[in-house]
């Protein structure tokens, strides 16, 4: 369940061309989490940011293998909450290769758990703006 939540929360937006990814953290599975500082947008108490997860080992979804994910996420910085708006999964590393799955996500706000890569991500993204 925790891996699924991480996948949903830390995937990316298809079609966005970004200048650079900054490394945020590495999770317990060895997956590296990146974010795009150029994508950070503040709206009141929330921050939206694009995230890339480069998987240490291939995962599968709907009988297809993926090696990386991108997501557009929203962070509620003061309350340590996050949710996902868009998710795309790729056959290659760092968002390369074929698109395996993509689409809008209607996720509920979820608490950012201590020790998860989302902690470092929220601290970096919230501090940037």
N, C-alpha and C. Protein backbone atom coordinates (compact mmCIF):
# COMPACT_ATOMS: atom_id res chain seq x y z
N UNK A 1 0.82 -1.19 0.00
CA UNK A 1 0.00 0.00 0.00
C UNK A 1 0.87 1.26 0.00
N UNK A 2 1.93 1.26 0.85
CA UNK A 2 2.80 2.43 0.92
C UNK A 2 3.50 2.67 -0.42
N UNK A 3 3.91 1.59 -1.10
CA UNK A 3 4.57 1.72 -2.41
C UNK A 3 3.59 2.31 -3.43
N UNK A 4 2.33 1.87 -3.40
CA UNK A 4 1.32 2.39 -4.31
C UNK A 4 1.10 3.88 -4.06
N UNK A 5 1.03 4.27 -2.81
CA UNK A 5 0.86 5.68 -2.48
C UNK A 5 2.06 6.48 -2.98
N UNK A 6 3.27 5.96 -2.77
CA UNK A 6 4.46 6.64 -3.25
C UNK A 6 4.42 6.78 -4.77
N UNK A 7 4.03 5.72 -5.45
CA UNK A 7 3.93 5.76 -6.91
C UNK A 7 2.95 6.85 -7.33
N UNK A 8 1.80 6.88 -6.70
CA UNK A 8 0.79 7.87 -7.07
C UNK A 8 1.24 9.28 -6.73
N UNK A 9 1.90 9.43 -5.61
CA UNK A 9 2.26 10.76 -5.17
C UNK A 9 3.50 11.32 -5.85
N UNK A 10 4.35 10.46 -6.32
CA UNK A 10 5.63 10.91 -6.85
C UNK A 10 5.86 10.52 -8.29
N UNK A 11 4.86 10.70 -9.11
CA UNK A 11 5.01 10.46 -10.54
C UNK A 11 4.91 11.77 -11.27
N UNK A 12 4.78 11.78 -12.64
CA UNK A 12 4.96 13.07 -13.28
C UNK A 12 3.96 13.43 -14.33
N UNK A 13 4.15 14.58 -14.84
CA UNK A 13 3.26 15.15 -15.82
C UNK A 13 3.84 14.95 -17.20
N UNK A 14 3.08 14.32 -18.06
CA UNK A 14 3.51 14.10 -19.43
C UNK A 14 3.38 15.39 -20.22
N UNK A 15 4.32 15.61 -21.13
CA UNK A 15 4.23 16.75 -22.01
C UNK A 15 4.90 18.01 -21.51
N UNK A 16 5.39 18.04 -20.28
CA UNK A 16 6.09 19.20 -19.77
C UNK A 16 7.58 19.07 -20.08
N UNK A 17 8.14 20.08 -20.69
CA UNK A 17 9.57 20.09 -20.94
C UNK A 17 10.20 20.93 -19.84
N UNK A 18 11.12 20.32 -19.12
CA UNK A 18 11.71 21.00 -17.99
C UNK A 18 13.21 21.16 -18.19
N UNK A 19 13.75 22.26 -17.70
CA UNK A 19 15.16 22.53 -17.87
C UNK A 19 16.01 21.55 -17.07
N UNK A 20 15.60 21.26 -15.84
CA UNK A 20 16.44 20.41 -15.00
C UNK A 20 15.63 19.79 -13.87
N UNK A 21 16.09 18.63 -13.44
CA UNK A 21 15.53 17.96 -12.27
C UNK A 21 16.56 18.08 -11.15
N UNK A 22 16.10 18.35 -9.93
CA UNK A 22 16.96 18.35 -8.75
C UNK A 22 16.62 17.12 -7.92
N UNK A 23 17.64 16.45 -7.45
CA UNK A 23 17.43 15.27 -6.61
C UNK A 23 16.88 15.70 -5.26
N UNK A 24 15.84 15.00 -4.82
CA UNK A 24 15.22 15.28 -3.54
C UNK A 24 15.62 14.25 -2.49
N UNK A 25 15.50 12.95 -2.84
CA UNK A 25 15.75 11.90 -1.86
C UNK A 25 15.80 10.55 -2.56
N UNK A 26 16.20 9.52 -1.81
CA UNK A 26 16.15 8.13 -2.26
C UNK A 26 15.31 7.37 -1.25
N UNK A 27 14.31 6.60 -1.73
CA UNK A 27 13.46 5.87 -0.80
C UNK A 27 14.10 4.55 -0.38
N UNK A 28 13.41 3.81 0.45
CA UNK A 28 13.94 2.55 1.00
C UNK A 28 14.13 1.47 -0.06
N UNK A 29 13.49 1.62 -1.23
CA UNK A 29 13.66 0.67 -2.33
C UNK A 29 14.81 1.05 -3.26
N UNK A 30 15.45 2.18 -2.99
CA UNK A 30 16.51 2.66 -3.86
C UNK A 30 16.02 3.50 -5.02
N UNK A 31 14.73 3.84 -5.03
CA UNK A 31 14.16 4.70 -6.07
C UNK A 31 14.56 6.14 -5.76
N UNK A 32 15.03 6.87 -6.78
CA UNK A 32 15.46 8.25 -6.59
C UNK A 32 14.34 9.20 -6.97
N UNK A 33 14.08 10.15 -6.09
CA UNK A 33 13.01 11.13 -6.27
C UNK A 33 13.63 12.47 -6.65
N UNK A 34 13.11 13.06 -7.74
CA UNK A 34 13.56 14.36 -8.22
C UNK A 34 12.38 15.31 -8.29
N UNK A 35 12.65 16.61 -8.31
CA UNK A 35 11.60 17.60 -8.54
C UNK A 35 12.14 18.67 -9.47
N UNK A 36 11.23 19.41 -10.08
CA UNK A 36 11.60 20.49 -10.98
C UNK A 36 11.39 21.83 -10.29
N UNK A 37 12.47 22.50 -9.89
CA UNK A 37 12.31 23.81 -9.25
C UNK A 37 11.58 24.81 -10.14
N UNK A 38 11.76 24.71 -11.44
CA UNK A 38 11.11 25.64 -12.37
C UNK A 38 9.59 25.48 -12.40
N UNK A 39 9.11 24.32 -11.96
CA UNK A 39 7.66 24.05 -12.01
C UNK A 39 6.92 24.50 -10.77
N UNK A 40 7.61 24.90 -9.73
CA UNK A 40 6.98 25.22 -8.45
C UNK A 40 6.09 26.46 -8.59
N UNK A 41 4.83 26.29 -8.18
CA UNK A 41 3.86 27.38 -8.21
C UNK A 41 3.12 27.44 -6.88
N UNK A 42 3.15 28.61 -6.24
CA UNK A 42 2.44 28.79 -4.97
C UNK A 42 1.08 29.42 -5.23
N UNK A 43 0.07 28.93 -4.49
CA UNK A 43 -1.27 29.49 -4.53
C UNK A 43 -1.79 29.47 -3.10
N UNK A 44 -1.69 30.59 -2.43
CA UNK A 44 -2.11 30.65 -1.03
C UNK A 44 -1.22 29.78 -0.17
N UNK A 45 -1.83 28.81 0.51
CA UNK A 45 -1.09 27.92 1.41
C UNK A 45 -0.56 26.67 0.74
N UNK A 46 -0.77 26.54 -0.57
CA UNK A 46 -0.35 25.32 -1.27
C UNK A 46 0.71 25.61 -2.32
N UNK A 47 1.46 24.55 -2.65
CA UNK A 47 2.49 24.61 -3.67
C UNK A 47 2.29 23.43 -4.61
N UNK A 48 2.31 23.70 -5.93
CA UNK A 48 2.27 22.63 -6.92
C UNK A 48 3.68 22.45 -7.48
N UNK A 49 4.05 21.19 -7.75
CA UNK A 49 5.40 20.89 -8.24
C UNK A 49 5.35 19.61 -9.09
N UNK A 50 6.24 19.54 -10.08
CA UNK A 50 6.39 18.33 -10.88
C UNK A 50 7.48 17.46 -10.26
N UNK A 51 7.21 16.16 -10.20
CA UNK A 51 8.09 15.21 -9.54
C UNK A 51 8.40 14.06 -10.50
N UNK A 52 9.62 13.55 -10.40
CA UNK A 52 10.06 12.39 -11.18
C UNK A 52 10.60 11.34 -10.22
N UNK A 53 10.15 10.10 -10.37
CA UNK A 53 10.70 8.98 -9.59
C UNK A 53 11.39 8.05 -10.57
N UNK A 54 12.69 7.88 -10.38
CA UNK A 54 13.49 6.98 -11.21
C UNK A 54 13.67 5.68 -10.42
N UNK A 55 13.00 4.62 -10.87
CA UNK A 55 12.94 3.37 -10.13
C UNK A 55 14.26 2.60 -10.18
N UNK A 56 14.66 2.07 -9.05
CA UNK A 56 15.85 1.24 -8.96
C UNK A 56 15.64 -0.08 -9.70
N UNK A 57 14.45 -0.63 -9.59
CA UNK A 57 14.07 -1.86 -10.28
C UNK A 57 12.75 -1.62 -11.00
N UNK A 58 12.57 -2.30 -12.11
CA UNK A 58 11.33 -2.14 -12.87
C UNK A 58 10.13 -2.58 -12.04
N UNK A 59 9.05 -1.83 -12.17
CA UNK A 59 7.78 -2.20 -11.57
C UNK A 59 6.83 -2.60 -12.68
N UNK A 60 5.67 -3.08 -12.31
CA UNK A 60 4.68 -3.43 -13.32
C UNK A 60 3.33 -2.84 -12.95
N UNK A 61 2.61 -2.46 -14.00
CA UNK A 61 1.24 -2.00 -13.86
C UNK A 61 0.49 -2.46 -15.10
N UNK A 62 -0.64 -3.09 -14.90
CA UNK A 62 -1.45 -3.61 -15.99
C UNK A 62 -0.60 -4.43 -16.98
N UNK A 63 0.23 -5.31 -16.44
CA UNK A 63 1.08 -6.23 -17.20
C UNK A 63 2.15 -5.54 -18.04
N UNK A 64 2.47 -4.29 -17.74
CA UNK A 64 3.52 -3.57 -18.45
C UNK A 64 4.58 -3.11 -17.45
N UNK A 65 5.84 -3.21 -17.86
CA UNK A 65 6.94 -2.79 -16.99
C UNK A 65 7.19 -1.30 -17.13
N UNK A 66 7.49 -0.65 -16.02
CA UNK A 66 7.87 0.77 -16.03
C UNK A 66 9.14 0.96 -15.21
N UNK A 67 9.94 1.98 -15.56
CA UNK A 67 11.18 2.29 -14.84
C UNK A 67 11.17 3.68 -14.24
N UNK A 68 10.21 4.52 -14.65
CA UNK A 68 10.14 5.86 -14.06
C UNK A 68 8.71 6.38 -14.13
N UNK A 69 8.46 7.37 -13.28
CA UNK A 69 7.13 7.97 -13.18
C UNK A 69 7.28 9.46 -13.01
N UNK A 70 6.33 10.20 -13.53
CA UNK A 70 6.25 11.64 -13.30
C UNK A 70 4.87 11.96 -12.75
N UNK A 71 4.82 13.00 -11.92
CA UNK A 71 3.53 13.42 -11.36
C UNK A 71 3.51 14.91 -11.13
N UNK A 72 2.31 15.48 -11.20
CA UNK A 72 2.09 16.83 -10.72
C UNK A 72 1.43 16.66 -9.37
N UNK A 73 2.06 17.20 -8.34
CA UNK A 73 1.51 17.07 -7.00
C UNK A 73 1.27 18.45 -6.39
N UNK A 74 0.40 18.47 -5.40
CA UNK A 74 0.14 19.69 -4.64
C UNK A 74 0.48 19.41 -3.18
N UNK A 75 1.18 20.34 -2.57
CA UNK A 75 1.59 20.22 -1.17
C UNK A 75 0.89 21.30 -0.35
N UNK A 76 0.40 20.92 0.80
CA UNK A 76 -0.11 21.87 1.79
C UNK A 76 0.99 21.95 2.82
N UNK A 77 1.87 22.93 2.67
CA UNK A 77 3.13 22.98 3.41
C UNK A 77 2.97 23.00 4.92
N UNK A 78 2.11 23.85 5.44
CA UNK A 78 1.97 24.01 6.89
C UNK A 78 1.44 22.76 7.56
N UNK A 79 0.55 22.04 6.89
CA UNK A 79 -0.08 20.86 7.50
C UNK A 79 0.56 19.54 7.07
N UNK A 80 1.61 19.60 6.22
CA UNK A 80 2.32 18.41 5.73
C UNK A 80 1.37 17.42 5.04
N UNK A 81 0.62 17.93 4.08
CA UNK A 81 -0.30 17.11 3.30
C UNK A 81 0.10 17.19 1.83
N UNK A 82 -0.26 16.14 1.06
CA UNK A 82 -0.03 16.16 -0.38
C UNK A 82 -1.10 15.37 -1.11
N UNK A 83 -1.26 15.69 -2.41
CA UNK A 83 -2.16 14.95 -3.27
C UNK A 83 -1.62 15.02 -4.70
N UNK A 84 -2.09 14.09 -5.54
CA UNK A 84 -1.62 13.97 -6.92
C UNK A 84 -2.71 14.44 -7.88
N UNK A 85 -2.30 15.17 -8.93
CA UNK A 85 -3.23 15.62 -9.97
C UNK A 85 -3.06 14.87 -11.28
N UNK A 86 -1.84 14.53 -11.62
CA UNK A 86 -1.56 13.88 -12.90
C UNK A 86 -0.42 12.90 -12.71
N UNK A 87 -0.49 11.75 -13.40
CA UNK A 87 0.51 10.71 -13.27
C UNK A 87 0.82 10.13 -14.63
N UNK A 88 2.10 9.92 -14.91
CA UNK A 88 2.50 9.22 -16.14
C UNK A 88 3.65 8.28 -15.80
N UNK A 89 3.64 7.11 -16.45
CA UNK A 89 4.64 6.08 -16.19
C UNK A 89 5.35 5.75 -17.50
N UNK A 90 6.67 5.52 -17.42
CA UNK A 90 7.51 5.36 -18.61
C UNK A 90 8.31 4.06 -18.55
N UNK A 91 8.58 3.52 -19.73
CA UNK A 91 9.35 2.27 -19.82
C UNK A 91 10.83 2.49 -19.53
N UNK A 92 11.33 3.70 -19.73
CA UNK A 92 12.75 3.98 -19.54
C UNK A 92 13.02 4.77 -18.27
N UNK A 93 14.29 4.94 -17.99
CA UNK A 93 14.71 5.70 -16.82
C UNK A 93 14.54 7.19 -17.07
N UNK A 94 14.35 7.96 -16.01
CA UNK A 94 14.28 9.41 -16.05
C UNK A 94 13.22 9.95 -17.02
N UNK A 95 12.09 9.26 -17.12
CA UNK A 95 10.99 9.72 -17.96
C UNK A 95 11.20 9.48 -19.44
N UNK A 96 12.13 8.61 -19.79
CA UNK A 96 12.40 8.29 -21.20
C UNK A 96 11.64 7.02 -21.59
N UNK A 97 11.66 6.73 -22.88
CA UNK A 97 11.02 5.51 -23.38
C UNK A 97 9.55 5.74 -23.66
N UNK A 98 8.84 4.64 -23.79
CA UNK A 98 7.41 4.67 -24.11
C UNK A 98 6.58 5.05 -22.89
N UNK A 99 5.47 5.74 -23.13
CA UNK A 99 4.52 6.02 -22.06
C UNK A 99 3.70 4.75 -21.82
N UNK A 100 3.76 4.24 -20.60
CA UNK A 100 3.05 3.01 -20.24
C UNK A 100 1.62 3.34 -19.80
N UNK A 101 1.48 4.41 -19.03
CA UNK A 101 0.17 4.81 -18.51
C UNK A 101 0.24 6.29 -18.18
N UNK A 102 -0.87 7.00 -18.40
CA UNK A 102 -0.92 8.40 -18.01
C UNK A 102 -2.37 8.80 -17.80
N UNK A 103 -2.55 9.87 -17.06
CA UNK A 103 -3.89 10.38 -16.89
C UNK A 103 -4.04 11.22 -15.63
N UNK A 104 -5.19 11.85 -15.54
CA UNK A 104 -5.52 12.66 -14.38
C UNK A 104 -5.77 11.74 -13.19
N UNK A 105 -5.42 12.22 -12.02
CA UNK A 105 -5.62 11.48 -10.78
C UNK A 105 -6.41 12.37 -9.85
N UNK A 106 -7.40 11.81 -9.22
CA UNK A 106 -8.22 12.57 -8.27
C UNK A 106 -7.95 12.02 -6.88
N UNK A 107 -6.76 12.32 -6.36
CA UNK A 107 -6.42 11.75 -5.05
C UNK A 107 -6.81 12.70 -3.93
N UNK A 108 -7.12 12.12 -2.81
CA UNK A 108 -7.44 12.88 -1.61
C UNK A 108 -6.15 13.35 -0.95
N UNK A 109 -6.26 14.36 -0.12
CA UNK A 109 -5.10 14.81 0.66
C UNK A 109 -4.64 13.67 1.55
N UNK A 110 -3.31 13.47 1.59
CA UNK A 110 -2.73 12.44 2.45
C UNK A 110 -1.61 13.05 3.29
N UNK A 111 -1.52 12.58 4.51
CA UNK A 111 -0.47 13.04 5.41
C UNK A 111 0.89 12.57 4.92
N UNK A 112 1.86 13.45 4.94
CA UNK A 112 3.23 13.09 4.58
C UNK A 112 3.86 12.41 5.79
N UNK A 113 4.18 11.13 5.63
CA UNK A 113 4.68 10.32 6.73
C UNK A 113 6.16 10.61 7.00
N UNK A 114 6.52 10.69 8.30
CA UNK A 114 7.92 10.84 8.68
C UNK A 114 8.74 9.71 8.07
N UNK A 115 9.92 10.04 7.58
CA UNK A 115 10.81 9.03 7.01
C UNK A 115 10.57 8.74 5.54
N UNK A 116 9.49 9.27 4.96
CA UNK A 116 9.23 9.02 3.54
C UNK A 116 9.97 10.06 2.70
N UNK A 117 10.23 9.76 1.41
CA UNK A 117 10.86 10.74 0.54
C UNK A 117 10.04 12.01 0.37
N UNK A 118 8.77 11.92 0.66
CA UNK A 118 7.89 13.08 0.54
C UNK A 118 8.25 14.18 1.54
N UNK A 119 8.88 13.80 2.66
CA UNK A 119 9.28 14.80 3.65
C UNK A 119 10.32 15.73 3.04
N UNK A 120 11.38 15.16 2.47
CA UNK A 120 12.43 15.98 1.85
C UNK A 120 11.86 16.79 0.69
N UNK A 121 11.01 16.15 -0.11
CA UNK A 121 10.41 16.84 -1.25
C UNK A 121 9.60 18.05 -0.79
N UNK A 122 8.76 17.87 0.22
CA UNK A 122 7.93 18.98 0.68
C UNK A 122 8.78 20.09 1.29
N UNK A 123 9.83 19.71 2.02
CA UNK A 123 10.71 20.74 2.60
C UNK A 123 11.40 21.54 1.49
N UNK A 124 11.88 20.88 0.45
CA UNK A 124 12.55 21.57 -0.65
C UNK A 124 11.59 22.45 -1.44
N UNK A 125 10.45 21.89 -1.83
CA UNK A 125 9.49 22.64 -2.64
C UNK A 125 8.87 23.79 -1.87
N UNK A 126 8.53 23.57 -0.62
CA UNK A 126 7.91 24.63 0.17
C UNK A 126 8.92 25.74 0.49
N UNK A 127 10.17 25.39 0.66
CA UNK A 127 11.21 26.38 0.94
C UNK A 127 11.53 27.22 -0.29
N UNK A 128 11.44 26.62 -1.48
CA UNK A 128 11.77 27.33 -2.72
C UNK A 128 10.83 28.50 -2.96
N UNK A 129 9.60 28.36 -2.51
CA UNK A 129 8.63 29.43 -2.73
C UNK A 129 7.94 29.72 -1.43
